[in-house]
Amino acid sequence: MSLENRHPQILLASVGALTMSSPALRACTACYGQSDAPMAQGMNWGIFSLLAVVVVVLSAGAGFFVYLGRRAAAVPMEGTPGGRIGEWGASSCSPPDSAEERGKTF
């Protein structure tokens, strides 16, 4: 390979080396250095606020499912004398009393 064909590669490597040596690319005080700097405190508040948003959204989802469960438990089940799901007085939930009832298929 001649030097003329390697010109773009050398130019690209030179520009990359100069760019990487720039002080602007070094870590900021929030990530490296002064942990009590205003930028670090702002980053901490940002993390806490995002954590609060996640907690609120997950709590709202859980609260919605609790609401659905309570609402479903309050609705009477059709065909049961007790009217609620899971009550032992309901015909579909009561245990069989006799050996004859145990052999029945519901």
PDB file of N, CA and C in Angstrom:
ATOM      1  N   MET A   1       0.824  -1.165   0.000  1.00  0.00           N
ATOM      2  CA  MET A   1       0.000   0.000   0.000  1.00  0.00           C
ATOM      3  C   MET A   1       0.880   1.244   0.000  1.00  0.00           C
ATOM      4  N   SER A   2       0.563   2.143  -0.854  1.00  0.00           N
ATOM      5  CA  SER A   2       1.390   3.346  -0.944  1.00  0.00           C
ATOM      6  C   SER A   2       0.931   4.391   0.067  1.00  0.00           C
ATOM      7  N   LEU A   3       1.755   5.387   0.254  1.00  0.00           N
ATOM      8  CA  LEU A   3       1.462   6.445   1.203  1.00  0.00           C
ATOM      9  C   LEU A   3       0.254   7.268   0.769  1.00  0.00           C
ATOM     10  N   GLU A   4       0.049   7.382  -0.542  1.00  0.00           N
ATOM     11  CA  GLU A   4      -1.089   8.156  -1.052  1.00  0.00           C
ATOM     12  C   GLU A   4      -2.419   7.512  -0.659  1.00  0.00           C
ATOM     13  N   ASN A   5      -2.472   6.200  -0.619  1.00  0.00           N
ATOM     14  CA  ASN A   5      -3.705   5.507  -0.254  1.00  0.00           C
ATOM     15  C   ASN A   5      -3.961   5.564   1.258  1.00  0.00           C
ATOM     16  N   ARG A   6      -2.911   5.809   2.038  1.00  0.00           N
ATOM     17  CA  ARG A   6      -3.062   5.823   3.501  1.00  0.00           C
ATOM     18  C   ARG A   6      -3.328   7.226   4.040  1.00  0.00           C
ATOM     19  N   HIS A   7      -3.380   8.230   3.165  1.00  0.00           N
ATOM     20  CA  HIS A   7      -3.615   9.599   3.607  1.00  0.00           C
ATOM     21  C   HIS A   7      -4.907   9.754   4.414  1.00  0.00           C
ATOM     22  N   PRO A   8      -6.033   9.247   3.959  1.00  0.00           N
ATOM     23  CA  PRO A   8      -7.266   9.401   4.763  1.00  0.00           C
ATOM     24  C   PRO A   8      -7.170   8.715   6.125  1.00  0.00           C
ATOM     25  N   GLN A   9      -6.511   7.576   6.195  1.00  0.00           N
ATOM     26  CA  GLN A   9      -6.387   6.868   7.459  1.00  0.00           C
ATOM     27  C   GLN A   9      -5.514   7.641   8.440  1.00  0.00           C
ATOM     28  N   ILE A  10      -4.416   8.211   7.954  1.00  0.00           N
ATOM     29  CA  ILE A  10      -3.522   8.993   8.808  1.00  0.00           C
ATOM     30  C   ILE A  10      -4.228  10.258   9.286  1.00  0.00           C
ATOM     31  N   LEU A  11      -4.953  10.901   8.387  1.00  0.00           N
ATOM     32  CA  LEU A  11      -5.685  12.111   8.749  1.00  0.00           C
ATOM     33  C   LEU A  11      -6.755  11.804   9.805  1.00  0.00           C
ATOM     34  N   LEU A  12      -7.467  10.716   9.618  1.00  0.00           N
ATOM     35  CA  LEU A  12      -8.498  10.321  10.571  1.00  0.00           C
ATOM     36  C   LEU A  12      -7.896   9.980  11.929  1.00  0.00           C
ATOM     37  N   ALA A  13      -6.788   9.294  11.949  1.00  0.00           N
ATOM     38  CA  ALA A  13      -6.116   8.955  13.203  1.00  0.00           C
ATOM     39  C   ALA A  13      -5.606  10.212  13.903  1.00  0.00           C
ATOM     40  N   SER A  14      -5.094  11.167  13.157  1.00  0.00           N
ATOM     41  CA  SER A  14      -4.596  12.417  13.747  1.00  0.00           C
ATOM     42  C   SER A  14      -5.736  13.223  14.358  1.00  0.00           C
ATOM     43  N   VAL A  15      -6.835  13.341  13.633  1.00  0.00           N
ATOM     44  CA  VAL A  15      -7.987  14.086  14.146  1.00  0.00           C
ATOM     45  C   VAL A  15      -8.547  13.387  15.378  1.00  0.00           C
ATOM     46  N   GLY A  16      -8.604  12.066  15.358  1.00  0.00           N
ATOM     47  CA  GLY A  16      -9.094  11.320  16.515  1.00  0.00           C
ATOM     48  C   GLY A  16      -8.212  11.509  17.732  1.00  0.00           C
ATOM     49  N   ALA A  17      -6.904  11.497  17.541  1.00  0.00           N
ATOM     50  CA  ALA A  17      -5.969  11.670  18.653  1.00  0.00           C
ATOM     51  C   ALA A  17      -6.085  13.071  19.247  1.00  0.00           C
ATOM     52  N   LEU A  18      -6.217  14.079  18.388  1.00  0.00           N
ATOM     53  CA  LEU A  18      -6.375  15.445  18.883  1.00  0.00           C
ATOM     54  C   LEU A  18      -7.703  15.625  19.614  1.00  0.00           C
ATOM     55  N   THR A  19      -8.734  14.988  19.117  1.00  0.00           N
ATOM     56  CA  THR A  19     -10.043  15.109  19.755  1.00  0.00           C
ATOM     57  C   THR A  19     -10.045  14.427  21.117  1.00  0.00           C
ATOM     58  N   MET A  20      -9.427  13.279  21.215  1.00  0.00           N
ATOM     59  CA  MET A  20      -9.416  12.542  22.479  1.00  0.00           C
ATOM     60  C   MET A  20      -8.558  13.214  23.541  1.00  0.00           C
ATOM     61  N   SER A  21      -7.599  14.031  23.142  1.00  0.00           N
ATOM     62  CA  SER A  21      -6.746  14.692  24.122  1.00  0.00           C
ATOM     63  C   SER A  21      -7.348  16.000  24.625  1.00  0.00           C
ATOM     64  N   SER A  22      -8.531  16.345  24.156  1.00  0.00           N
ATOM     65  CA  SER A  22      -9.178  17.585  24.560  1.00  0.00           C
ATOM     66  C   SER A  22      -9.605  17.519  26.030  1.00  0.00           C
ATOM     67  N   PRO A  23      -9.396  18.598  26.811  1.00  0.00           N
ATOM     68  CA  PRO A  23      -9.835  18.589  28.212  1.00  0.00           C
ATOM     69  C   PRO A  23     -11.358  18.579  28.349  1.00  0.00           C
ATOM     70  N   ALA A  24     -12.067  18.968  27.304  1.00  0.00           N
ATOM     71  CA  ALA A  24     -13.528  18.966  27.367  1.00  0.00           C
ATOM     72  C   ALA A  24     -14.087  17.550  27.440  1.00  0.00           C
ATOM     73  N   LEU A  25     -13.322  16.561  27.050  1.00  0.00           N
ATOM     74  CA  LEU A  25     -13.797  15.183  27.073  1.00  0.00           C
ATOM     75  C   LEU A  25     -13.558  14.486  28.406  1.00  0.00           C
ATOM     76  N   ARG A  26     -12.863  15.120  29.288  1.00  0.00           N
ATOM     77  CA  ARG A  26     -12.631  14.509  30.591  1.00  0.00           C
ATOM     78  C   ARG A  26     -13.918  14.532  31.401  1.00  0.00           C
ATOM     79  N   ALA A  27     -13.977  13.698  32.418  1.00  0.00           N
ATOM     80  CA  ALA A  27     -15.193  13.578  33.219  1.00  0.00           C
ATOM     81  C   ALA A  27     -15.494  14.882  33.945  1.00  0.00           C
ATOM     82  N   CYS A  28     -16.789  15.185  34.059  1.00  0.00           N
ATOM     83  CA  CYS A  28     -17.204  16.399  34.744  1.00  0.00           C
ATOM     84  C   CYS A  28     -17.137  16.187  36.262  1.00  0.00           C
ATOM     85  N   THR A  29     -17.396  17.239  37.010  1.00  0.00           N
ATOM     86  CA  THR A  29     -17.308  17.141  38.469  1.00  0.00           C
ATOM     87  C   THR A  29     -18.425  16.280  39.044  1.00  0.00           C
ATOM     88  N   ALA A  30     -19.507  16.089  38.285  1.00  0.00           N
ATOM     89  CA  ALA A  30     -20.595  15.247  38.787  1.00  0.00           C
ATOM     90  C   ALA A  30     -20.166  13.786  38.839  1.00  0.00           C
ATOM     91  N   CYS A  31     -19.370  13.356  37.863  1.00  0.00           N
ATOM     92  CA  CYS A  31     -18.962  11.950  37.802  1.00  0.00           C
ATOM     93  C   CYS A  31     -17.603  11.701  38.444  1.00  0.00           C
ATOM     94  N   TYR A  32     -16.748  12.678  38.395  1.00  0.00           N
ATOM     95  CA  TYR A  32     -15.384  12.474  38.858  1.00  0.00           C
ATOM     96  C   TYR A  32     -14.912  13.762  39.504  1.00  0.00           C
ATOM     97  N   GLY A  33     -14.534  13.694  40.724  1.00  0.00           N
ATOM     98  CA  GLY A  33     -13.994  14.893  41.350  1.00  0.00           C
ATOM     99  C   GLY A  33     -14.825  15.350  42.524  1.00  0.00           C
ATOM    100  N   GLN A  34     -15.255  16.605  42.501  1.00  0.00           N
ATOM    101  CA  GLN A  34     -15.932  17.224  43.632  1.00  0.00           C
ATOM    102  C   GLN A  34     -17.351  16.695  43.754  1.00  0.00           C
ATOM    103  N   SER A  35     -17.603  15.964  44.840  1.00  0.00           N
ATOM    104  CA  SER A  35     -18.933  15.397  45.032  1.00  0.00           C
ATOM    105  C   SER A  35     -19.895  16.398  45.656  1.00  0.00           C
ATOM    106  N   ASP A  36     -19.392  17.520  46.146  1.00  0.00           N
ATOM    107  CA  ASP A  36     -20.269  18.524  46.732  1.00  0.00           C
ATOM    108  C   ASP A  36     -20.479  19.708  45.793  1.00  0.00           C
ATOM    109  N   ALA A  37     -20.062  19.585  44.552  1.00  0.00           N
ATOM    110  CA  ALA A  37     -20.248  20.653  43.574  1.00  0.00           C
ATOM    111  C   ALA A  37     -21.728  20.769  43.210  1.00  0.00           C
ATOM    112  N   PRO A  38     -22.161  21.939  42.769  1.00  0.00           N
ATOM    113  CA  PRO A  38     -23.568  22.113  42.393  1.00  0.00           C
ATOM    114  C   PRO A  38     -24.033  21.152  41.294  1.00  0.00           C
ATOM    115  N   MET A  39     -23.140  20.821  40.381  1.00  0.00           N
ATOM    116  CA  MET A  39     -23.526  19.891  39.313  1.00  0.00           C
ATOM    117  C   MET A  39     -23.783  18.490  39.874  1.00  0.00           C
ATOM    118  N   ALA A  40     -22.981  18.070  40.838  1.00  0.00           N
ATOM    119  CA  ALA A  40     -23.183  16.759  41.460  1.00  0.00           C
ATOM    120  C   ALA A  40     -24.473  16.747  42.268  1.00  0.00           C
ATOM    121  N   GLN A  41     -24.767  17.831  42.961  1.00  0.00           N
ATOM    122  CA  GLN A  41     -26.017  17.902  43.718  1.00  0.00           C
ATOM    123  C   GLN A  41     -27.224  17.899  42.777  1.00  0.00           C
ATOM    124  N   GLY A  42     -27.106  18.590  41.656  1.00  0.00           N
ATOM    125  CA  GLY A  42     -28.187  18.578  40.666  1.00  0.00           C
ATOM    126  C   GLY A  42     -28.410  17.198  40.089  1.00  0.00           C
ATOM    127  N   MET A  43     -27.326  16.479  39.839  1.00  0.00           N
ATOM    128  CA  MET A  43     -27.461  15.119  39.324  1.00  0.00           C
ATOM    129  C   MET A  43     -28.131  14.216  40.366  1.00  0.00           C
ATOM    130  N   ASN A  44     -27.775  14.374  41.629  1.00  0.00           N
ATOM    131  CA  ASN A  44     -28.410  13.580  42.683  1.00  0.00           C
ATOM    132  C   ASN A  44     -29.906  13.876  42.772  1.00  0.00           C
ATOM    133  N   TRP A  45     -30.286  15.158  42.681  1.00  0.00           N
ATOM    134  CA  TRP A  45     -31.713  15.500  42.704  1.00  0.00           C
ATOM    135  C   TRP A  45     -32.427  14.935  41.483  1.00  0.00           C
ATOM    136  N   GLY A  46     -31.751  14.907  40.347  1.00  0.00           N
ATOM    137  CA  GLY A  46     -32.348  14.301  39.157  1.00  0.00           C
ATOM    138  C   GLY A  46     -32.594  12.815  39.341  1.00  0.00           C
ATOM    139  N   ILE A  47     -31.651  12.131  39.940  1.00  0.00           N
ATOM    140  CA  ILE A  47     -31.806  10.693  40.195  1.00  0.00           C
ATOM    141  C   ILE A  47     -32.956  10.456  41.166  1.00  0.00           C
ATOM    142  N   PHE A  48     -33.023  11.249  42.224  1.00  0.00           N
ATOM    143  CA  PHE A  48     -34.107  11.076  43.203  1.00  0.00           C
ATOM    144  C   PHE A  48     -35.469  11.386  42.607  1.00  0.00           C
ATOM    145  N   SER A  49     -35.539  12.400  41.750  1.00  0.00           N
ATOM    146  CA  SER A  49     -36.829  12.727  41.144  1.00  0.00           C
ATOM    147  C   SER A  49     -37.273  11.633  40.180  1.00  0.00           C
ATOM    148  N   LEU A  50     -36.354  11.066  39.416  1.00  0.00           N
ATOM    149  CA  LEU A  50     -36.719   9.952  38.528  1.00  0.00           C
ATOM    150  C   LEU A  50     -37.131   8.725  39.334  1.00  0.00           C
ATOM    151  N   LEU A  51     -36.470   8.486  40.450  1.00  0.00           N
ATOM    152  CA  LEU A  51     -36.860   7.385  41.328  1.00  0.00           C
ATOM    153  C   LEU A  51     -38.261   7.607  41.884  1.00  0.00           C
ATOM    154  N   ALA A  52     -38.576   8.849  42.231  1.00  0.00           N
ATOM    155  CA  ALA A  52     -39.914   9.163  42.740  1.00  0.00           C
ATOM    156  C   ALA A  52     -40.975   8.931  41.663  1.00  0.00           C
ATOM    157  N   VAL A  53     -40.670   9.279  40.424  1.00  0.00           N
ATOM    158  CA  VAL A  53     -41.622   9.047  39.334  1.00  0.00           C
ATOM    159  C   VAL A  53     -41.879   7.555  39.163  1.00  0.00           C
ATOM    160  N   VAL A  54     -40.840   6.752  39.215  1.00  0.00           N
ATOM    161  CA  VAL A  54     -40.996   5.300  39.079  1.00  0.00           C
ATOM    162  C   VAL A  54     -41.849   4.745  40.220  1.00  0.00           C
ATOM    163  N   VAL A  55     -41.604   5.194  41.440  1.00  0.00           N
ATOM    164  CA  VAL A  55     -42.374   4.716  42.591  1.00  0.00           C
ATOM    165  C   VAL A  55     -43.840   5.109  42.462  1.00  0.00           C
ATOM    166  N   VAL A  56     -44.108   6.329  42.015  1.00  0.00           N
ATOM    167  CA  VAL A  56     -45.493   6.780  41.860  1.00  0.00           C
ATOM    168  C   VAL A  56     -46.217   5.961  40.794  1.00  0.00           C
ATOM    169  N   VAL A  57     -45.561   5.721  39.676  1.00  0.00           N
ATOM    170  CA  VAL A  57     -46.195   4.960  38.593  1.00  0.00           C
ATOM    171  C   VAL A  57     -46.464   3.515  39.020  1.00  0.00           C
ATOM    172  N   LEU A  58     -45.498   2.872  39.677  1.00  0.00           N
ATOM    173  CA  LEU A  58     -45.708   1.501  40.132  1.00  0.00           C
ATOM    174  C   LEU A  58     -46.776   1.430  41.220  1.00  0.00           C
ATOM    175  N   SER A  59     -46.818   2.415  42.101  1.00  0.00           N
ATOM    176  CA  SER A  59     -47.851   2.435  43.135  1.00  0.00           C
ATOM    177  C   SER A  59     -49.231   2.630  42.527  1.00  0.00           C
ATOM    178  N   ALA A  60     -49.328   3.469  41.517  1.00  0.00           N
ATOM    179  CA  ALA A  60     -50.613   3.679  40.850  1.00  0.00           C
ATOM    180  C   ALA A  60     -51.080   2.390  40.176  1.00  0.00           C
ATOM    181  N   GLY A  61     -50.168   1.666  39.550  1.00  0.00           N
ATOM    182  CA  GLY A  61     -50.528   0.386  38.929  1.00  0.00           C
ATOM    183  C   GLY A  61     -50.987  -0.628  39.964  1.00  0.00           C
ATOM    184  N   ALA A  62     -50.271  -0.718  41.068  1.00  0.00           N
ATOM    185  CA  ALA A  62     -50.666  -1.657  42.130  1.00  0.00           C
ATOM    186  C   ALA A  62     -51.999  -1.246  42.747  1.00  0.00           C
ATOM    187  N   GLY A  63     -52.197   0.043  42.956  1.00  0.00           N
ATOM    188  CA  GLY A  63     -53.460   0.528  43.495  1.00  0.00           C
ATOM    189  C   GLY A  63     -54.632   0.240  42.575  1.00  0.00           C
ATOM    190  N   PHE A  64     -54.392   0.324  41.271  1.00  0.00           N
ATOM    191  CA  PHE A  64     -55.450   0.015  40.314  1.00  0.00           C
ATOM    192  C   PHE A  64     -55.858  -1.451  40.412  1.00  0.00           C
ATOM    193  N   PHE A  65     -54.899  -2.351  40.554  1.00  0.00           N
ATOM    194  CA  PHE A  65     -55.244  -3.768  40.661  1.00  0.00           C
ATOM    195  C   PHE A  65     -55.915  -4.079  42.004  1.00  0.00           C
ATOM    196  N   VAL A  66     -55.550  -3.382  43.064  1.00  0.00           N
ATOM    197  CA  VAL A  66     -56.251  -3.542  44.341  1.00  0.00           C
ATOM    198  C   VAL A  66     -57.692  -3.067  44.192  1.00  0.00           C
ATOM    199  N   TYR A  67     -57.881  -1.948  43.509  1.00  0.00           N
ATOM    200  CA  TYR A  67     -59.225  -1.437  43.248  1.00  0.00           C
ATOM    201  C   TYR A  67     -60.049  -2.449  42.452  1.00  0.00           C
ATOM    202  N   LEU A  68     -59.465  -3.022  41.413  1.00  0.00           N
ATOM    203  CA  LEU A  68     -60.185  -4.028  40.619  1.00  0.00           C
ATOM    204  C   LEU A  68     -60.536  -5.253  41.454  1.00  0.00           C
ATOM    205  N   GLY A  69     -59.622  -5.685  42.321  1.00  0.00           N
ATOM    206  CA  GLY A  69     -59.890  -6.842  43.172  1.00  0.00           C
ATOM    207  C   GLY A  69     -61.018  -6.583  44.146  1.00  0.00           C
ATOM    208  N   ARG A  70     -61.023  -5.416  44.754  1.00  0.00           N
ATOM    209  CA  ARG A  70     -62.103  -5.080  45.693  1.00  0.00           C
ATOM    210  C   ARG A  70     -63.434  -4.935  44.970  1.00  0.00           C
ATOM    211  N   ARG A  71     -63.384  -4.348  43.800  1.00  0.00           N
ATOM    212  CA  ARG A  71     -64.627  -4.180  43.046  1.00  0.00           C
ATOM    213  C   ARG A  71     -65.169  -5.529  42.590  1.00  0.00           C
ATOM    214  N   ALA A  72     -64.294  -6.433  42.174  1.00  0.00           N
ATOM    215  CA  ALA A  72     -64.735  -7.761  41.753  1.00  0.00           C
ATOM    216  C   ALA A  72     -65.286  -8.550  42.933  1.00  0.00           C
ATOM    217  N   ALA A  73     -64.719  -8.362  44.117  1.00  0.00           N
ATOM    218  CA  ALA A  73     -65.211  -9.078  45.298  1.00  0.00           C
ATOM    219  C   ALA A  73     -66.571  -8.544  45.745  1.00  0.00           C
ATOM    220  N   ALA A  74     -66.878  -7.310  45.418  1.00  0.00           N
ATOM    221  CA  ALA A  74     -68.146  -6.720  45.839  1.00  0.00           C
ATOM    222  C   ALA A  74     -69.301  -7.105  44.910  1.00  0.00           C
ATOM    223  N   VAL A  75     -69.002  -7.575  43.708  1.00  0.00           N
ATOM    224  CA  VAL A  75     -70.050  -7.936  42.747  1.00  0.00           C
ATOM    225  C   VAL A  75     -70.536  -9.342  43.058  1.00  0.00           C
ATOM    226  N   PRO A  76     -71.877  -9.538  43.179  1.00  0.00           N
ATOM    227  CA  PRO A  76     -72.380 -10.885  43.472  1.00  0.00           C
ATOM    228  C   PRO A  76     -72.154 -11.831  42.295  1.00  0.00           C
ATOM    229  N   MET A  77     -71.830 -13.077  42.639  1.00  0.00           N
ATOM    230  CA  MET A  77     -71.620 -14.098  41.618  1.00  0.00           C
ATOM    231  C   MET A  77     -72.975 -14.715  41.280  1.00  0.00           C
ATOM    232  N   GLU A  78     -73.269 -14.834  40.013  1.00  0.00           N
ATOM    233  CA  GLU A  78     -74.563 -15.377  39.591  1.00  0.00           C
ATOM    234  C   GLU A  78     -74.671 -16.855  39.939  1.00  0.00           C
ATOM    235  N   GLY A  79     -75.812 -17.252  40.441  1.00  0.00           N
ATOM    236  CA  GLY A  79     -76.077 -18.653  40.709  1.00  0.00           C
ATOM    237  C   GLY A  79     -75.651 -19.135  42.071  1.00  0.00           C
ATOM    238  N   THR A  80     -75.151 -18.282  42.933  1.00  0.00           N
ATOM    239  CA  THR A  80     -74.769 -18.709  44.271  1.00  0.00           C
ATOM    240  C   THR A  80     -75.700 -18.063  45.287  1.00  0.00           C
ATOM    241  N   PRO A  81     -76.118 -18.817  46.285  1.00  0.00           N
ATOM    242  CA  PRO A  81     -77.028 -18.258  47.281  1.00  0.00           C
ATOM    243  C   PRO A  81     -76.378 -17.153  48.114  1.00  0.00           C
ATOM    244  N   GLY A  82     -75.117 -17.297  48.440  1.00  0.00           N
ATOM    245  CA  GLY A  82     -74.442 -16.286  49.251  1.00  0.00           C
ATOM    246  C   GLY A  82     -74.172 -15.022  48.472  1.00  0.00           C
ATOM    247  N   GLY A  83     -74.016 -15.168  47.181  1.00  0.00           N
ATOM    248  CA  GLY A  83     -73.824 -14.021  46.335  1.00  0.00           C
ATOM    249  C   GLY A  83     -72.383 -13.587  46.167  1.00  0.00           C
ATOM    250  N   ARG A  84     -71.470 -14.130  46.911  1.00  0.00           N
ATOM    251  CA  ARG A  84     -70.075 -13.717  46.784  1.00  0.00           C
ATOM    252  C   ARG A  84     -69.197 -14.910  46.485  1.00  0.00           C
ATOM    253  N   ILE A  85     -68.140 -14.645  45.810  1.00  0.00           N
ATOM    254  CA  ILE A  85     -67.205 -15.698  45.451  1.00  0.00           C
ATOM    255  C   ILE A  85     -66.404 -16.083  46.697  1.00  0.00           C
ATOM    256  N   GLY A  86     -66.266 -17.374  46.931  1.00  0.00           N
ATOM    257  CA  GLY A  86     -65.413 -17.838  48.009  1.00  0.00           C
ATOM    258  C   GLY A  86     -66.100 -18.012  49.338  1.00  0.00           C
ATOM    259  N   GLU A  87     -67.370 -17.715  49.440  1.00  0.00           N
ATOM    260  CA  GLU A  87     -68.070 -17.936  50.699  1.00  0.00           C
ATOM    261  C   GLU A  87     -68.406 -19.410  50.839  1.00  0.00           C
ATOM    262  N   TRP A  88     -68.290 -19.947  52.053  1.00  0.00           N
ATOM    263  CA  TRP A  88     -68.559 -21.368  52.244  1.00  0.00           C
ATOM    264  C   TRP A  88     -70.045 -21.676  52.142  1.00  0.00           C
ATOM    265  N   GLY A  89     -70.892 -20.680  52.251  1.00  0.00           N
ATOM    266  CA  GLY A  89     -72.321 -20.900  52.122  1.00  0.00           C
ATOM    267  C   GLY A  89     -72.756 -21.077  50.670  1.00  0.00           C
ATOM    268  N   ALA A  90     -71.900 -20.710  49.739  1.00  0.00           N
ATOM    269  CA  ALA A  90     -72.247 -20.821  48.326  1.00  0.00           C
ATOM    270  C   ALA A  90     -72.195 -22.284  47.919  1.00  0.00           C
ATOM    271  N   SER A  91     -73.101 -22.677  47.039  1.00  0.00           N
ATOM    272  CA  SER A  91     -73.213 -24.086  46.671  1.00  0.00           C
ATOM    273  C   SER A  91     -71.981 -24.600  45.937  1.00  0.00           C
ATOM    274  N   SER A  92     -71.326 -23.762  45.162  1.00  0.00           N
ATOM    275  CA  SER A  92     -70.171 -24.246  44.410  1.00  0.00           C
ATOM    276  C   SER A  92     -68.910 -24.306  45.255  1.00  0.00           C
ATOM    277  N   CYS A  93     -68.910 -23.646  46.419  1.00  0.00           N
ATOM    278  CA  CYS A  93     -67.702 -23.592  47.238  1.00  0.00           C
ATOM    279  C   CYS A  93     -67.796 -24.440  48.502  1.00  0.00           C
ATOM    280  N   SER A  94     -68.966 -24.943  48.815  1.00  0.00           N
ATOM    281  CA  SER A  94     -69.104 -25.687  50.063  1.00  0.00           C
ATOM    282  C   SER A  94     -68.547 -27.100  49.908  1.00  0.00           C
ATOM    283  N   PRO A  95     -67.924 -27.636  50.946  1.00  0.00           N
ATOM    284  CA  PRO A  95     -67.405 -28.999  50.864  1.00  0.00           C
ATOM    285  C   PRO A  95     -68.559 -30.004  50.870  1.00  0.00           C
ATOM    286  N   PRO A  96     -68.376 -31.148  50.236  1.00  0.00           N
ATOM    287  CA  PRO A  96     -69.436 -32.156  50.209  1.00  0.00           C
ATOM    288  C   PRO A  96     -69.703 -32.717  51.601  1.00  0.00           C
ATOM    289  N   ASP A  97     -70.983 -32.949  51.900  1.00  0.00           N
ATOM    290  CA  ASP A  97     -71.374 -33.439  53.223  1.00  0.00           C
ATOM    291  C   ASP A  97     -71.380 -34.959  53.316  1.00  0.00           C
ATOM    292  N   SER A  98     -71.733 -35.612  52.258  1.00  0.00           N
ATOM    293  CA  SER A  98     -71.861 -37.067  52.336  1.00  0.00           C
ATOM    294  C   SER A  98     -70.983 -37.726  51.284  1.00  0.00           C
ATOM    295  N   ALA A  99     -70.834 -39.049  51.435  1.00  0.00           N
ATOM    296  CA  ALA A  99     -70.046 -39.807  50.472  1.00  0.00           C
ATOM    297  C   ALA A  99     -70.718 -39.803  49.103  1.00  0.00           C
ATOM    298  N   GLU A 100     -72.033 -39.701  49.103  1.00  0.00           N
ATOM    299  CA  GLU A 100     -72.776 -39.677  47.843  1.00  0.00           C
ATOM    300  C   GLU A 100     -72.477 -38.383  47.074  1.00  0.00           C
ATOM    301  N   GLU A 101     -72.385 -37.278  47.794  1.00  0.00           N
ATOM    302  CA  GLU A 101     -72.089 -35.981  47.161  1.00  0.00           C
ATOM    303  C   GLU A 101     -70.641 -35.927  46.684  1.00  0.00           C
ATOM    304  N   ARG A 102     -69.760 -36.637  47.390  1.00  0.00           N
ATOM    305  CA  ARG A 102     -68.332 -36.627  46.983  1.00  0.00           C
ATOM    306  C   ARG A 102     -68.141 -37.290  45.642  1.00  0.00           C
ATOM    307  N   GLY A 103     -68.966 -38.223  45.294  1.00  0.00           N
ATOM    308  CA  GLY A 103     -68.829 -38.913  44.030  1.00  0.00           C
ATOM    309  C   GLY A 103     -69.441 -38.164  42.857  1.00  0.00           C
ATOM    310  N   LYS A 104     -70.197 -37.106  43.124  1.00  0.00           N
ATOM    311  CA  LYS A 104     -70.830 -36.348  42.054  1.00  0.00           C
ATOM    312  C   LYS A 104     -69.802 -35.552  41.277  1.00  0.00           C
ATOM    313  N   THR A 105     -70.070 -35.425  40.026  1.00  0.00           N
ATOM    314  CA  THR A 105     -69.259 -34.544  39.189  1.00  0.00           C
ATOM    315  C   THR A 105     -70.060 -33.272  38.985  1.00  0.00           C
ATOM    316  N   PHE A 106     -69.445 -32.174  39.288  1.00  0.00           N
ATOM    317  CA  PHE A 106     -70.158 -30.905  39.190  1.00  0.00           C
ATOM    318  C   PHE A 106     -70.025 -30.326  37.813  1.00  0.00           C
TER     319      PHE A 106
END
